[in-house]
N, C-alpha and C. Protein backbone atom coordinates (compact mmCIF):
# COMPACT_ATOMS: atom_id res chain seq x y z
N MET A 1 0.83 -1.18 0.00
CA MET A 1 0.00 0.00 0.00
C MET A 1 0.88 1.24 0.00
N ASP A 2 0.29 2.38 -0.31
CA ASP A 2 1.09 3.58 -0.47
C ASP A 2 1.23 4.42 0.79
N GLY A 3 0.60 4.03 1.90
CA GLY A 3 0.73 4.78 3.14
C GLY A 3 -0.27 5.90 3.25
N GLY A 4 -1.14 6.07 2.27
CA GLY A 4 -2.14 7.13 2.32
C GLY A 4 -3.41 6.65 2.97
N THR A 5 -4.43 7.49 2.90
CA THR A 5 -5.73 7.12 3.45
C THR A 5 -6.38 6.18 2.47
N THR A 6 -6.47 4.90 2.84
CA THR A 6 -6.92 3.90 1.90
C THR A 6 -7.98 3.00 2.51
N SER A 7 -8.64 2.29 1.66
CA SER A 7 -9.62 1.31 2.08
C SER A 7 -9.15 -0.06 1.62
N PRO A 8 -9.40 -1.11 2.40
CA PRO A 8 -8.99 -2.43 1.96
C PRO A 8 -9.87 -2.94 0.83
N PHE A 9 -10.90 -2.18 0.46
CA PHE A 9 -11.84 -2.61 -0.56
C PHE A 9 -11.63 -1.89 -1.88
N GLY A 10 -10.41 -1.42 -2.13
CA GLY A 10 -10.11 -0.89 -3.45
C GLY A 10 -9.85 0.60 -3.51
N GLY A 11 -8.63 1.00 -3.17
CA GLY A 11 -8.20 2.36 -3.42
C GLY A 11 -8.60 3.33 -2.34
N GLY A 12 -8.51 4.62 -2.70
CA GLY A 12 -8.78 5.68 -1.75
C GLY A 12 -10.26 5.88 -1.53
N LEU A 13 -10.56 6.71 -0.58
CA LEU A 13 -11.94 7.03 -0.26
C LEU A 13 -12.19 8.46 -0.74
N PRO A 14 -12.79 8.65 -1.93
CA PRO A 14 -12.95 9.97 -2.47
C PRO A 14 -13.80 10.86 -1.57
N GLY A 15 -13.34 12.11 -1.41
CA GLY A 15 -14.09 13.08 -0.65
C GLY A 15 -13.92 12.96 0.85
N LEU A 16 -13.21 11.95 1.35
CA LEU A 16 -13.02 11.77 2.77
C LEU A 16 -11.82 12.57 3.22
N VAL A 17 -12.00 13.36 4.26
CA VAL A 17 -10.88 14.06 4.86
C VAL A 17 -10.40 13.21 6.01
N GLY A 18 -9.17 12.74 5.94
CA GLY A 18 -8.65 11.85 6.96
C GLY A 18 -8.20 12.58 8.20
N CYS A 19 -7.56 11.88 9.11
CA CYS A 19 -7.13 12.45 10.38
C CYS A 19 -6.24 13.67 10.20
N ASN A 20 -5.37 13.65 9.22
CA ASN A 20 -4.41 14.73 9.06
C ASN A 20 -4.82 15.76 8.02
N GLY A 21 -5.96 15.56 7.37
CA GLY A 21 -6.39 16.48 6.32
C GLY A 21 -7.01 17.74 6.89
N ALA A 22 -7.20 18.72 6.05
CA ALA A 22 -7.82 19.97 6.46
C ALA A 22 -9.22 19.68 6.97
N GLY A 23 -9.52 20.23 8.12
CA GLY A 23 -10.85 20.05 8.68
C GLY A 23 -11.02 18.74 9.42
N GLY A 24 -10.07 17.84 9.33
CA GLY A 24 -10.17 16.57 10.04
C GLY A 24 -9.52 16.72 11.39
N GLY A 25 -9.23 15.62 12.00
CA GLY A 25 -8.46 15.70 13.21
C GLY A 25 -9.20 15.22 14.42
N ALA A 26 -9.06 15.99 15.47
CA ALA A 26 -9.45 15.52 16.78
C ALA A 26 -10.93 15.28 16.96
N GLY A 27 -11.77 16.05 16.35
CA GLY A 27 -13.20 15.95 16.62
C GLY A 27 -13.88 14.87 15.84
N GLY A 28 -15.16 14.81 16.05
CA GLY A 28 -15.99 13.87 15.31
C GLY A 28 -16.56 14.57 14.10
N GLY A 29 -17.84 14.36 13.84
CA GLY A 29 -18.49 15.01 12.71
C GLY A 29 -18.30 14.21 11.45
N ALA A 30 -18.23 14.92 10.32
CA ALA A 30 -18.18 14.27 9.01
C ALA A 30 -16.93 13.42 8.84
N THR A 31 -15.85 13.74 9.57
CA THR A 31 -14.62 12.99 9.39
C THR A 31 -14.47 11.87 10.39
N GLY A 32 -15.37 11.73 11.34
CA GLY A 32 -15.29 10.65 12.31
C GLY A 32 -14.38 10.98 13.47
N TRP A 33 -14.04 9.96 14.20
CA TRP A 33 -13.20 10.08 15.39
C TRP A 33 -11.82 9.56 15.08
N CYS A 34 -10.82 10.42 15.20
CA CYS A 34 -9.45 10.07 14.84
C CYS A 34 -8.71 9.50 16.04
N LEU A 35 -8.17 8.30 15.88
CA LEU A 35 -7.39 7.65 16.92
C LEU A 35 -5.91 7.66 16.55
N PHE A 36 -5.07 7.93 17.53
CA PHE A 36 -3.63 7.93 17.36
C PHE A 36 -3.11 6.58 17.86
N VAL A 37 -2.35 5.89 17.02
CA VAL A 37 -1.80 4.58 17.38
C VAL A 37 -0.28 4.71 17.38
N TYR A 38 0.34 4.50 18.53
CA TYR A 38 1.77 4.72 18.70
C TYR A 38 2.48 3.42 19.06
N ASN A 39 3.75 3.36 18.74
CA ASN A 39 4.65 2.24 19.03
C ASN A 39 4.46 1.09 18.04
N LEU A 40 4.16 1.43 16.80
CA LEU A 40 4.04 0.42 15.74
C LEU A 40 5.44 0.00 15.29
N ALA A 41 5.57 -1.24 14.89
CA ALA A 41 6.84 -1.75 14.36
C ALA A 41 7.09 -1.17 12.96
N ALA A 42 8.34 -1.13 12.56
CA ALA A 42 8.73 -0.55 11.27
C ALA A 42 8.06 -1.23 10.09
N GLU A 43 7.74 -2.50 10.22
CA GLU A 43 7.15 -3.26 9.10
C GLU A 43 5.63 -3.23 9.09
N THR A 44 5.00 -2.46 9.97
CA THR A 44 3.53 -2.43 10.07
C THR A 44 2.89 -1.92 8.78
N GLU A 45 1.87 -2.62 8.31
CA GLU A 45 1.11 -2.25 7.12
C GLU A 45 -0.30 -1.81 7.53
N GLU A 46 -0.95 -1.05 6.66
CA GLU A 46 -2.29 -0.54 6.95
C GLU A 46 -3.30 -1.66 7.22
N ASN A 47 -3.18 -2.77 6.50
CA ASN A 47 -4.16 -3.84 6.66
C ASN A 47 -4.17 -4.40 8.08
N VAL A 48 -3.05 -4.33 8.79
CA VAL A 48 -3.00 -4.81 10.17
C VAL A 48 -3.90 -3.94 11.05
N LEU A 49 -3.87 -2.62 10.83
CA LEU A 49 -4.70 -1.72 11.63
C LEU A 49 -6.18 -1.89 11.28
N TRP A 50 -6.48 -2.12 10.00
CA TRP A 50 -7.88 -2.42 9.63
C TRP A 50 -8.37 -3.64 10.40
N GLN A 51 -7.53 -4.68 10.49
CA GLN A 51 -7.91 -5.91 11.17
C GLN A 51 -8.04 -5.72 12.68
N LEU A 52 -7.19 -4.88 13.27
CA LEU A 52 -7.24 -4.65 14.71
C LEU A 52 -8.46 -3.83 15.13
N PHE A 53 -8.82 -2.82 14.33
CA PHE A 53 -9.87 -1.89 14.72
C PHE A 53 -11.24 -2.24 14.14
N GLY A 54 -11.26 -2.95 13.03
CA GLY A 54 -12.51 -3.30 12.36
C GLY A 54 -13.53 -4.03 13.22
N PRO A 55 -13.12 -4.96 14.08
CA PRO A 55 -14.10 -5.68 14.90
C PRO A 55 -14.89 -4.79 15.88
N PHE A 56 -14.42 -3.58 16.11
CA PHE A 56 -15.07 -2.70 17.08
C PHE A 56 -16.06 -1.75 16.45
N GLY A 57 -16.08 -1.67 15.12
CA GLY A 57 -17.02 -0.78 14.44
C GLY A 57 -16.50 -0.33 13.09
N ALA A 58 -17.23 0.62 12.51
CA ALA A 58 -16.91 1.10 11.16
C ALA A 58 -15.62 1.92 11.16
N VAL A 59 -14.65 1.47 10.39
CA VAL A 59 -13.40 2.19 10.20
C VAL A 59 -13.49 2.93 8.88
N GLN A 60 -13.32 4.25 8.92
CA GLN A 60 -13.39 5.06 7.71
C GLN A 60 -12.06 5.09 6.96
N SER A 61 -10.97 5.20 7.72
CA SER A 61 -9.67 5.28 7.07
C SER A 61 -8.57 4.85 8.03
N VAL A 62 -7.44 4.48 7.43
CA VAL A 62 -6.25 4.08 8.18
C VAL A 62 -5.06 4.72 7.49
N LYS A 63 -4.14 5.24 8.30
CA LYS A 63 -2.90 5.78 7.73
C LYS A 63 -1.74 5.39 8.63
N VAL A 64 -0.77 4.69 8.07
CA VAL A 64 0.49 4.41 8.75
C VAL A 64 1.47 5.45 8.24
N VAL A 65 2.08 6.20 9.14
CA VAL A 65 3.02 7.26 8.75
C VAL A 65 4.37 6.61 8.47
N ARG A 66 4.90 6.93 7.27
CA ARG A 66 6.12 6.28 6.80
C ARG A 66 7.26 7.26 6.57
N ASP A 67 8.47 6.77 6.71
CA ASP A 67 9.67 7.54 6.36
C ASP A 67 9.76 7.53 4.84
N PRO A 68 9.80 8.70 4.19
CA PRO A 68 9.83 8.71 2.73
C PRO A 68 11.09 8.07 2.13
N ALA A 69 12.19 8.07 2.84
CA ALA A 69 13.43 7.50 2.31
C ALA A 69 13.42 5.97 2.33
N THR A 70 12.83 5.39 3.38
CA THR A 70 12.88 3.93 3.53
C THR A 70 11.52 3.26 3.31
N ASN A 71 10.45 4.03 3.34
CA ASN A 71 9.07 3.55 3.25
C ASN A 71 8.70 2.66 4.44
N LYS A 72 9.47 2.74 5.51
CA LYS A 72 9.15 1.98 6.73
C LYS A 72 8.31 2.85 7.65
N CYS A 73 7.48 2.20 8.45
CA CYS A 73 6.63 2.90 9.41
C CYS A 73 7.50 3.67 10.40
N LYS A 74 7.10 4.91 10.68
CA LYS A 74 7.83 5.74 11.64
C LYS A 74 7.44 5.43 13.08
N GLY A 75 6.57 4.45 13.28
CA GLY A 75 6.22 4.06 14.63
C GLY A 75 4.83 4.51 15.07
N PHE A 76 4.12 5.20 14.18
CA PHE A 76 2.78 5.63 14.55
C PHE A 76 1.87 5.71 13.34
N GLY A 77 0.58 5.79 13.62
CA GLY A 77 -0.40 5.89 12.56
C GLY A 77 -1.71 6.40 13.12
N PHE A 78 -2.72 6.48 12.24
CA PHE A 78 -4.03 7.02 12.60
C PHE A 78 -5.13 6.11 12.06
N VAL A 79 -6.18 5.98 12.84
CA VAL A 79 -7.36 5.23 12.43
C VAL A 79 -8.56 6.14 12.66
N THR A 80 -9.40 6.32 11.66
CA THR A 80 -10.61 7.13 11.82
C THR A 80 -11.81 6.20 11.88
N MET A 81 -12.58 6.34 12.97
CA MET A 81 -13.77 5.52 13.17
C MET A 81 -15.01 6.42 13.16
N THR A 82 -16.12 5.88 12.69
CA THR A 82 -17.36 6.63 12.53
C THR A 82 -18.03 6.97 13.85
N ASN A 83 -18.07 6.03 14.76
CA ASN A 83 -18.88 6.15 15.97
C ASN A 83 -18.01 6.34 17.21
N TYR A 84 -18.39 7.31 18.05
CA TYR A 84 -17.62 7.63 19.26
C TYR A 84 -17.52 6.43 20.21
N ASP A 85 -18.65 5.79 20.51
CA ASP A 85 -18.64 4.66 21.44
C ASP A 85 -17.81 3.49 20.92
N GLU A 86 -17.86 3.25 19.61
CA GLU A 86 -17.04 2.20 19.01
C GLU A 86 -15.56 2.56 19.09
N ALA A 87 -15.26 3.84 18.91
CA ALA A 87 -13.88 4.29 19.03
C ALA A 87 -13.37 4.08 20.45
N LEU A 88 -14.21 4.39 21.45
CA LEU A 88 -13.83 4.15 22.84
C LEU A 88 -13.54 2.68 23.10
N MET A 89 -14.38 1.82 22.57
CA MET A 89 -14.18 0.37 22.76
C MET A 89 -12.88 -0.08 22.09
N ALA A 90 -12.60 0.46 20.91
CA ALA A 90 -11.36 0.10 20.20
C ALA A 90 -10.14 0.57 20.98
N ILE A 91 -10.23 1.75 21.58
CA ILE A 91 -9.12 2.25 22.40
C ILE A 91 -8.92 1.33 23.60
N ALA A 92 -10.01 1.01 24.29
CA ALA A 92 -9.91 0.16 25.48
C ALA A 92 -9.31 -1.20 25.15
N ALA A 93 -9.68 -1.76 24.02
CA ALA A 93 -9.22 -3.10 23.66
C ALA A 93 -7.79 -3.09 23.12
N ASN A 94 -7.41 -2.06 22.38
CA ASN A 94 -6.12 -2.07 21.70
C ASN A 94 -5.01 -1.33 22.43
N ASN A 95 -5.35 -0.45 23.36
CA ASN A 95 -4.32 0.23 24.15
C ASN A 95 -3.69 -0.80 25.08
N GLY A 96 -2.40 -1.03 24.93
CA GLY A 96 -1.71 -2.05 25.71
C GLY A 96 -1.60 -3.39 25.00
N TYR A 97 -2.25 -3.50 23.83
CA TYR A 97 -2.18 -4.74 23.05
C TYR A 97 -0.77 -4.91 22.51
N GLN A 98 -0.26 -6.13 22.53
CA GLN A 98 1.08 -6.39 22.02
C GLN A 98 1.01 -6.80 20.56
N LEU A 99 1.72 -6.07 19.72
CA LEU A 99 1.77 -6.33 18.28
C LEU A 99 3.21 -6.29 17.82
N GLY A 100 3.67 -7.38 17.24
CA GLY A 100 5.05 -7.43 16.75
C GLY A 100 6.08 -7.19 17.84
N GLY A 101 5.79 -7.68 19.05
CA GLY A 101 6.73 -7.52 20.15
C GLY A 101 6.71 -6.13 20.77
N ARG A 102 5.76 -5.29 20.39
CA ARG A 102 5.66 -3.94 20.93
C ARG A 102 4.29 -3.74 21.56
N VAL A 103 4.24 -2.96 22.62
CA VAL A 103 2.97 -2.67 23.29
C VAL A 103 2.41 -1.38 22.69
N LEU A 104 1.22 -1.49 22.09
CA LEU A 104 0.61 -0.34 21.44
C LEU A 104 0.07 0.66 22.45
N GLN A 105 0.12 1.93 22.07
CA GLN A 105 -0.52 3.00 22.82
C GLN A 105 -1.56 3.61 21.89
N VAL A 106 -2.81 3.57 22.30
CA VAL A 106 -3.91 4.04 21.46
C VAL A 106 -4.71 5.08 22.24
N SER A 107 -5.00 6.20 21.59
CA SER A 107 -5.77 7.26 22.23
C SER A 107 -6.45 8.09 21.15
N PHE A 108 -7.35 8.98 21.56
CA PHE A 108 -7.89 9.94 20.61
C PHE A 108 -6.77 10.87 20.21
N LYS A 109 -6.72 11.21 18.94
CA LYS A 109 -5.74 12.17 18.46
C LYS A 109 -6.09 13.53 19.05
N LYS A 110 -5.10 14.20 19.56
CA LYS A 110 -5.30 15.53 20.12
C LYS A 110 -4.84 16.58 19.12
N SER A 111 -5.62 17.61 18.99
CA SER A 111 -5.27 18.72 18.12
C SER A 111 -4.08 19.47 18.70
N LYS A 112 -3.32 20.13 17.86
CA LYS A 112 -2.24 20.99 18.33
C LYS A 112 -2.80 22.17 19.12
N TYR A 113 -4.07 22.48 18.90
CA TYR A 113 -4.65 23.69 19.45
C TYR A 113 -5.64 23.45 20.57
N GLN A 114 -5.93 22.22 20.91
CA GLN A 114 -6.85 21.96 22.01
C GLN A 114 -6.34 20.79 22.82
N SER A 115 -6.63 20.83 24.11
CA SER A 115 -6.09 19.81 24.99
C SER A 115 -6.84 18.49 24.90
N SER A 116 -8.11 18.55 24.46
CA SER A 116 -8.86 17.31 24.28
C SER A 116 -9.87 17.49 23.17
N PRO A 117 -10.12 16.43 22.41
CA PRO A 117 -11.04 16.55 21.28
C PRO A 117 -12.49 16.62 21.73
N THR A 118 -13.26 17.29 20.93
CA THR A 118 -14.71 17.31 21.15
C THR A 118 -15.37 16.95 19.84
N GLY A 119 -16.60 16.55 19.91
CA GLY A 119 -17.26 16.13 18.67
C GLY A 119 -18.75 16.04 18.86
N PRO A 120 -19.40 15.16 18.12
CA PRO A 120 -20.85 15.06 18.16
C PRO A 120 -21.36 14.84 19.58
N GLY A 121 -22.40 15.57 19.94
CA GLY A 121 -23.00 15.39 21.25
C GLY A 121 -22.17 15.98 22.37
N GLY A 122 -21.12 16.74 22.03
CA GLY A 122 -20.30 17.38 23.05
C GLY A 122 -19.37 16.43 23.79
N HIS A 123 -19.15 15.26 23.27
CA HIS A 123 -18.25 14.31 23.94
C HIS A 123 -16.83 14.84 23.88
N GLY A 124 -16.12 14.73 24.97
CA GLY A 124 -14.70 15.09 24.98
C GLY A 124 -13.90 13.85 25.27
N ALA A 125 -12.61 13.91 25.00
CA ALA A 125 -11.78 12.73 25.27
C ALA A 125 -10.68 13.06 26.24
N GLY A 126 -10.86 14.09 27.04
CA GLY A 126 -9.88 14.43 28.04
C GLY A 126 -10.12 13.62 29.29
N ALA A 127 -10.39 14.33 30.39
CA ALA A 127 -10.58 13.67 31.68
C ALA A 127 -11.81 12.77 31.69
N GLY A 128 -12.78 13.02 30.79
CA GLY A 128 -14.02 12.26 30.81
C GLY A 128 -13.97 10.93 30.08
N VAL A 129 -12.85 10.54 29.54
CA VAL A 129 -12.78 9.31 28.76
C VAL A 129 -13.13 8.10 29.62
N ASP A 130 -12.61 8.02 30.84
CA ASP A 130 -12.89 6.86 31.67
C ASP A 130 -14.38 6.73 31.96
N GLY A 131 -15.03 7.85 32.29
CA GLY A 131 -16.47 7.82 32.54
C GLY A 131 -17.25 7.48 31.30
N ALA A 132 -16.86 8.05 30.15
CA ALA A 132 -17.54 7.76 28.90
C ALA A 132 -17.33 6.31 28.50
N LEU A 133 -16.13 5.79 28.74
CA LEU A 133 -15.84 4.39 28.41
C LEU A 133 -16.69 3.47 29.28
N ALA A 134 -16.78 3.78 30.57
CA ALA A 134 -17.61 2.97 31.46
C ALA A 134 -19.07 3.00 31.01
N ALA A 135 -19.55 4.17 30.59
CA ALA A 135 -20.93 4.28 30.12
C ALA A 135 -21.14 3.46 28.84
N ALA A 136 -20.16 3.50 27.93
CA ALA A 136 -20.27 2.75 26.68
C ALA A 136 -20.28 1.25 26.96
N ILE A 137 -19.47 0.80 27.88
CA ILE A 137 -19.41 -0.62 28.23
C ILE A 137 -20.72 -1.03 28.89
N ALA A 138 -21.26 -0.17 29.74
CA ALA A 138 -22.49 -0.48 30.44
C ALA A 138 -23.67 -0.65 29.47
N ARG A 139 -23.63 0.07 28.34
CA ARG A 139 -24.72 -0.03 27.35
C ARG A 139 -24.67 -1.34 26.57
N LEU A 140 -23.57 -2.05 26.60
CA LEU A 140 -23.45 -3.29 25.81
C LEU A 140 -24.25 -4.42 26.38
């Protein structure tokens, strides 16, 4: 894969603004909920993140950030999910998960300009994540 915002079902997603695109990022809305995935191995491919996050809900896009000189993963990537509660469940399940001998760190992507993301329904991912996660689990 080329390291861009891609779908496992054939090419890019036209019109989708990914985690790093203009107007995308920390919040929800039309671009979904952006998750930051850290401590990825150099050989990590996008399809691995699709497989890890897909069971928790609709994944809109995946991006593994690569070194342009070597095309190897720089150790982090982004996953955009449609639903806030599903994103919380994916964070809870994958944060601390061991992949390729490394322990993943997964969280909501934070904007450079805000300390915690906000999105549909006024949900934030700062101090309220634990309470929101407990509420999401309780609804299951």
